[in-house]
Amino acid sequence: MPKLFVYGKYIIYFWSNEGDEPVHVHVSVKKQSTNSLKFWITKNGKVILANNKANISNHEISKISNTIASQTDYIIEQWKEHFGDVSYYC
């Protein structure tokens, strides 16, 4: 599972078995976890919260979302390198 970058105590990553889904990232505290945030990346570079299984506060989600939004070009590039193709949630 490719780790993309770190933001404070959070890691942003892909699961290697999810390439058939639209481009998205997971966010967890310190290490990958099935209890994570999941954000969809849209065609226009917006970020949409898909779920919050990590129970992270709305204030933190907003900061994380802004950070991910600033990195969407990089995220999409890494998705293409890892999975070979990209589709979007919307």
C-alpha atoms as a PDB file:
ATOM      1  CA  MET A   1       0.000   0.000   0.000  1.00  0.00           C
ATOM      2  CA  PRO A   2       1.678   3.166  -1.170  1.00  0.00           C
ATOM      3  CA  LYS A   3       2.150   5.879   1.435  1.00  0.00           C
ATOM      4  CA  LEU A   4       1.830   9.207  -0.364  1.00  0.00           C
ATOM      5  CA  PHE A   5       2.773  11.729   2.307  1.00  0.00           C
ATOM      6  CA  VAL A   6       2.537  12.649   5.976  1.00  0.00           C
ATOM      7  CA  TYR A   7       0.577  15.564   7.397  1.00  0.00           C
ATOM      8  CA  GLY A   8       1.313  16.048  11.091  1.00  0.00           C
ATOM      9  CA  LYS A   9       0.363  12.808  12.826  1.00  0.00           C
ATOM     10  CA  TYR A  10      -1.627  11.609   9.788  1.00  0.00           C
ATOM     11  CA  ILE A  11      -0.490   9.459   6.890  1.00  0.00           C
ATOM     12  CA  ILE A  12      -2.191   9.650   3.507  1.00  0.00           C
ATOM     13  CA  TYR A  13      -2.114   6.470   1.423  1.00  0.00           C
ATOM     14  CA  PHE A  14      -3.784   4.093  -1.060  1.00  0.00           C
ATOM     15  CA  TRP A  15      -4.754   0.473  -0.502  1.00  0.00           C
ATOM     16  CA  SER A  16      -3.164  -1.562  -3.299  1.00  0.00           C
ATOM     17  CA  ASN A  17      -6.308  -3.645  -3.880  1.00  0.00           C
ATOM     18  CA  GLU A  18      -8.616  -0.679  -4.589  1.00  0.00           C
ATOM     19  CA  GLY A  19      -7.514   0.297  -8.097  1.00  0.00           C
ATOM     20  CA  ASP A  20     -10.921  -0.601  -9.522  1.00  0.00           C
ATOM     21  CA  GLU A  21     -12.505   2.219  -7.486  1.00  0.00           C
ATOM     22  CA  PRO A  22     -12.449   5.921  -8.373  1.00  0.00           C
ATOM     23  CA  VAL A  23      -9.342   7.791  -7.236  1.00  0.00           C
ATOM     24  CA  HIS A  24      -9.309   8.280  -3.469  1.00  0.00           C
ATOM     25  CA  VAL A  25      -7.032   8.348  -0.450  1.00  0.00           C
ATOM     26  CA  HIS A  26      -7.192   7.014   3.063  1.00  0.00           C
ATOM     27  CA  VAL A  27      -6.008   8.918   6.130  1.00  0.00           C
ATOM     28  CA  SER A  28      -5.024   7.360   9.447  1.00  0.00           C
ATOM     29  CA  VAL A  29      -3.127   8.341  12.562  1.00  0.00           C
ATOM     30  CA  LYS A  30       0.516   7.144  12.413  1.00  0.00           C
ATOM     31  CA  LYS A  31      -0.077   3.895  10.439  1.00  0.00           C
ATOM     32  CA  GLN A  32      -2.421   2.383   7.853  1.00  0.00           C
ATOM     33  CA  SER A  33      -5.700   1.172   9.324  1.00  0.00           C
ATOM     34  CA  THR A  34      -9.057  -0.143   8.180  1.00  0.00           C
ATOM     35  CA  ASN A  35     -10.519   2.505  10.512  1.00  0.00           C
ATOM     36  CA  SER A  36      -9.575   5.517   8.438  1.00  0.00           C
ATOM     37  CA  LEU A  37     -10.893   8.602   6.734  1.00  0.00           C
ATOM     38  CA  LYS A  38     -11.588   8.156   3.038  1.00  0.00           C
ATOM     39  CA  PHE A  39     -11.646  11.048   0.583  1.00  0.00           C
ATOM     40  CA  TRP A  40     -12.749  10.910  -3.052  1.00  0.00           C
ATOM     41  CA  ILE A  41     -10.870  13.133  -5.516  1.00  0.00           C
ATOM     42  CA  THR A  42     -13.109  14.691  -8.187  1.00  0.00           C
ATOM     43  CA  LYS A  43     -12.259  15.554 -11.811  1.00  0.00           C
ATOM     44  CA  ASN A  44     -11.947  19.231 -10.915  1.00  0.00           C
ATOM     45  CA  GLY A  45      -9.593  18.578  -7.982  1.00  0.00           C
ATOM     46  CA  LYS A  46     -12.134  18.868  -5.203  1.00  0.00           C
ATOM     47  CA  VAL A  47     -12.056  16.547  -2.211  1.00  0.00           C
ATOM     48  CA  ILE A  48     -15.186  14.822  -0.861  1.00  0.00           C
ATOM     49  CA  LEU A  49     -15.289  12.986   2.449  1.00  0.00           C
ATOM     50  CA  ALA A  50     -16.494   9.426   1.772  1.00  0.00           C
ATOM     51  CA  ASN A  51     -16.378   8.186   5.369  1.00  0.00           C
ATOM     52  CA  ASN A  52     -14.876   8.822   8.770  1.00  0.00           C
ATOM     53  CA  LYS A  53     -14.319   5.402  10.313  1.00  0.00           C
ATOM     54  CA  ALA A  54     -11.480   6.945  12.332  1.00  0.00           C
ATOM     55  CA  ASN A  55     -13.843   9.302  14.214  1.00  0.00           C
ATOM     56  CA  ILE A  56     -11.609  12.301  13.576  1.00  0.00           C
ATOM     57  CA  SER A  57     -13.077  15.673  14.557  1.00  0.00           C
ATOM     58  CA  ASN A  58     -14.676  17.925  11.938  1.00  0.00           C
ATOM     59  CA  HIS A  59     -12.047  20.584  12.651  1.00  0.00           C
ATOM     60  CA  GLU A  60      -9.228  18.131  11.860  1.00  0.00           C
ATOM     61  CA  ILE A  61     -11.098  16.788   8.817  1.00  0.00           C
ATOM     62  CA  SER A  62     -11.280  20.311   7.415  1.00  0.00           C
ATOM     63  CA  LYS A  63      -7.519  20.804   7.784  1.00  0.00           C
ATOM     64  CA  ILE A  64      -6.744  17.386   6.310  1.00  0.00           C
ATOM     65  CA  SER A  65      -9.159  17.970   3.422  1.00  0.00           C
ATOM     66  CA  ASN A  66      -7.473  21.286   2.567  1.00  0.00           C
ATOM     67  CA  THR A  67      -4.071  19.611   2.604  1.00  0.00           C
ATOM     68  CA  ILE A  68      -5.256  16.807   0.334  1.00  0.00           C
ATOM     69  CA  ALA A  69      -6.915  19.331  -2.012  1.00  0.00           C
ATOM     70  CA  SER A  70      -3.568  21.098  -2.366  1.00  0.00           C
ATOM     71  CA  GLN A  71      -1.980  17.789  -3.434  1.00  0.00           C
ATOM     72  CA  THR A  72      -4.574  16.389  -5.872  1.00  0.00           C
ATOM     73  CA  ASP A  73      -2.283  16.631  -8.912  1.00  0.00           C
ATOM     74  CA  TYR A  74       0.364  14.630  -7.071  1.00  0.00           C
ATOM     75  CA  ILE A  75      -2.219  12.121  -5.785  1.00  0.00           C
ATOM     76  CA  ILE A  76      -3.652  11.538  -9.269  1.00  0.00           C
ATOM     77  CA  GLU A  77      -0.148  11.152 -10.722  1.00  0.00           C
ATOM     78  CA  GLN A  78       0.711   8.564  -8.061  1.00  0.00           C
ATOM     79  CA  TRP A  79      -2.604   6.762  -8.603  1.00  0.00           C
ATOM     80  CA  LYS A  80      -1.847   6.467 -12.334  1.00  0.00           C
ATOM     81  CA  GLU A  81       1.668   5.181 -11.633  1.00  0.00           C
ATOM     82  CA  HIS A  82       0.404   2.578  -9.176  1.00  0.00           C
ATOM     83  CA  PHE A  83      -2.857   1.452 -10.817  1.00  0.00           C
ATOM     84  CA  GLY A  84      -2.302   2.415 -14.458  1.00  0.00           C
ATOM     85  CA  ASP A  85      -5.618   4.197 -14.975  1.00  0.00           C
ATOM     86  CA  VAL A  86      -7.790   6.685 -13.152  1.00  0.00           C
ATOM     87  CA  SER A  87     -11.531   7.185 -12.863  1.00  0.00           C
ATOM     88  CA  TYR A  88     -13.326   9.780 -10.764  1.00  0.00           C
ATOM     89  CA  TYR A  89     -16.181   9.698  -8.261  1.00  0.00           C
ATOM     90  CA  CYS A  90     -17.676  12.735 -10.014  1.00  0.00           C
END
